[in-house]
C-alpha atoms as a PDB file:
ATOM      1  CA  MET A   1      15.467 -11.482 -12.030  1.00  0.00           C
ATOM      2  CA  ALA A   2      12.266  -9.798 -13.471  1.00  0.00           C
ATOM      3  CA  ILE A   3      12.254  -6.173 -14.215  1.00  0.00           C
ATOM      4  CA  GLN A   4       9.882  -4.143 -12.118  1.00  0.00           C
ATOM      5  CA  ASP A   5       7.474  -1.755 -13.728  1.00  0.00           C
ATOM      6  CA  GLN A   6       6.435   1.548 -12.320  1.00  0.00           C
ATOM      7  CA  TRP A   7       3.531   0.162 -10.445  1.00  0.00           C
ATOM      8  CA  GLU A   8       5.566  -2.565  -8.777  1.00  0.00           C
ATOM      9  CA  ILE A   9       8.149   0.035  -7.767  1.00  0.00           C
ATOM     10  CA  ALA A  10       5.444   2.356  -6.328  1.00  0.00           C
ATOM     11  CA  LEU A  11       3.960  -0.612  -4.396  1.00  0.00           C
ATOM     12  CA  GLU A  12       7.311  -1.587  -2.945  1.00  0.00           C
ATOM     13  CA  GLN A  13       7.804   1.973  -1.783  1.00  0.00           C
ATOM     14  CA  LYS A  14       4.377   2.247  -0.208  1.00  0.00           C
ATOM     15  CA  THR A  15       4.899  -1.222   1.421  1.00  0.00           C
ATOM     16  CA  GLN A  16       8.149  -0.019   2.983  1.00  0.00           C
ATOM     17  CA  GLU A  17       6.570   3.224   4.279  1.00  0.00           C
ATOM     18  CA  LEU A  18       3.639   1.306   5.796  1.00  0.00           C
ATOM     19  CA  GLN A  19       5.848  -1.187   7.463  1.00  0.00           C
ATOM     20  CA  ALA A  20       8.011   1.553   8.822  1.00  0.00           C
ATOM     21  CA  CYS A  21       4.899   3.208  10.322  1.00  0.00           C
ATOM     22  CA  GLN A  22       3.844  -0.029  11.859  1.00  0.00           C
ATOM     23  CA  GLN A  23       7.255  -0.672  13.415  1.00  0.00           C
ATOM     24  CA  GLU A  24       7.349   2.857  14.768  1.00  0.00           C
ATOM     25  CA  ARG A  25       4.082   2.281  16.592  1.00  0.00           C
ATOM     26  CA  GLY A  26       4.935  -1.260  17.671  1.00  0.00           C
ATOM     27  CA  LEU A  27       2.165  -2.826  15.510  1.00  0.00           C
ATOM     28  CA  LYS A  28       2.069  -5.890  13.299  1.00  0.00           C
ATOM     29  CA  SER A  29      -0.987  -4.602  11.418  1.00  0.00           C
ATOM     30  CA  CYS A  30      -2.781  -1.436  10.716  1.00  0.00           C
ATOM     31  CA  LEU A  31      -5.876  -2.812  12.305  1.00  0.00           C
ATOM     32  CA  GLY A  32      -4.544  -2.111  15.850  1.00  0.00           C
ATOM     33  CA  CYS A  33      -3.966   1.624  15.022  1.00  0.00           C
ATOM     34  CA  PRO A  34      -6.562   4.100  16.122  1.00  0.00           C
ATOM     35  CA  LYS A  35      -6.072   6.022  12.788  1.00  0.00           C
ATOM     36  CA  VAL A  36      -6.748   2.974  10.627  1.00  0.00           C
ATOM     37  CA  ASN A  37      -9.981   4.333   9.082  1.00  0.00           C
ATOM     38  CA  ALA A  38      -8.502   7.867   8.316  1.00  0.00           C
ATOM     39  CA  CYS A  39      -4.883   7.059   7.462  1.00  0.00           C
ATOM     40  CA  GLU A  40      -3.552   8.657   4.279  1.00  0.00           C
ATOM     41  CA  LEU A  41      -0.518   6.374   4.305  1.00  0.00           C
ATOM     42  CA  ARG A  42      -2.674   3.232   4.411  1.00  0.00           C
ATOM     43  CA  ASP A  43      -4.980   4.613   1.635  1.00  0.00           C
ATOM     44  CA  ALA A  44      -1.940   5.356  -0.526  1.00  0.00           C
ATOM     45  CA  TYR A  45      -0.775   1.717   0.007  1.00  0.00           C
ATOM     46  CA  VAL A  46      -4.178   0.295  -0.900  1.00  0.00           C
ATOM     47  CA  ARG A  47      -4.218   2.454  -4.010  1.00  0.00           C
ATOM     48  CA  ALA A  48      -0.751   1.201  -4.898  1.00  0.00           C
ATOM     49  CA  VAL A  49      -1.885  -2.390  -4.452  1.00  0.00           C
ATOM     50  CA  TYR A  50      -4.776  -2.014  -6.905  1.00  0.00           C
ATOM     51  CA  GLU A  51      -2.712   0.030  -9.385  1.00  0.00           C
ATOM     52  CA  SER A  52      -0.020  -2.717  -9.478  1.00  0.00           C
ATOM     53  CA  MET A  53      -2.754  -5.286 -10.063  1.00  0.00           C
ATOM     54  CA  ASN A  54      -4.404  -3.454 -13.022  1.00  0.00           C
ATOM     55  CA  LYS A  55      -1.118  -1.693 -14.149  1.00  0.00           C
ATOM     56  CA  GLY A  56      -2.773   1.695 -14.184  1.00  0.00           C
ATOM     57  CA  SER A  57      -5.618   0.708 -16.569  1.00  0.00           C
ATOM     58  CA  GLY A  58      -8.167   2.227 -14.149  1.00  0.00           C
ATOM     59  CA  GLY A  59     -11.196   0.563 -12.657  1.00  0.00           C
ATOM     60  CA  GLY A  60     -12.376   0.214  -9.187  1.00  0.00           C
ATOM     61  CA  PHE A  61     -12.716  -2.622  -6.742  1.00  0.00           C
ATOM     62  CA  GLU A  62     -14.444  -5.060  -8.913  1.00  0.00           C
ATOM     63  CA  PHE A  63     -14.189  -8.651  -7.827  1.00  0.00           C
END
């Protein structure tokens, strides 16, 4: 079993929070939610995804 770093732990937490919100609203995706474009929880999840990818080294959404 691999050891999780702080960014992976943060991502796991935000994923659980997002999934709980979706279940609470009976949704399978945030796209069906009227708050999708102004949702702080979803924004925090997206930040956690990118931070887990770059391990906190900064940067933006460069592809």
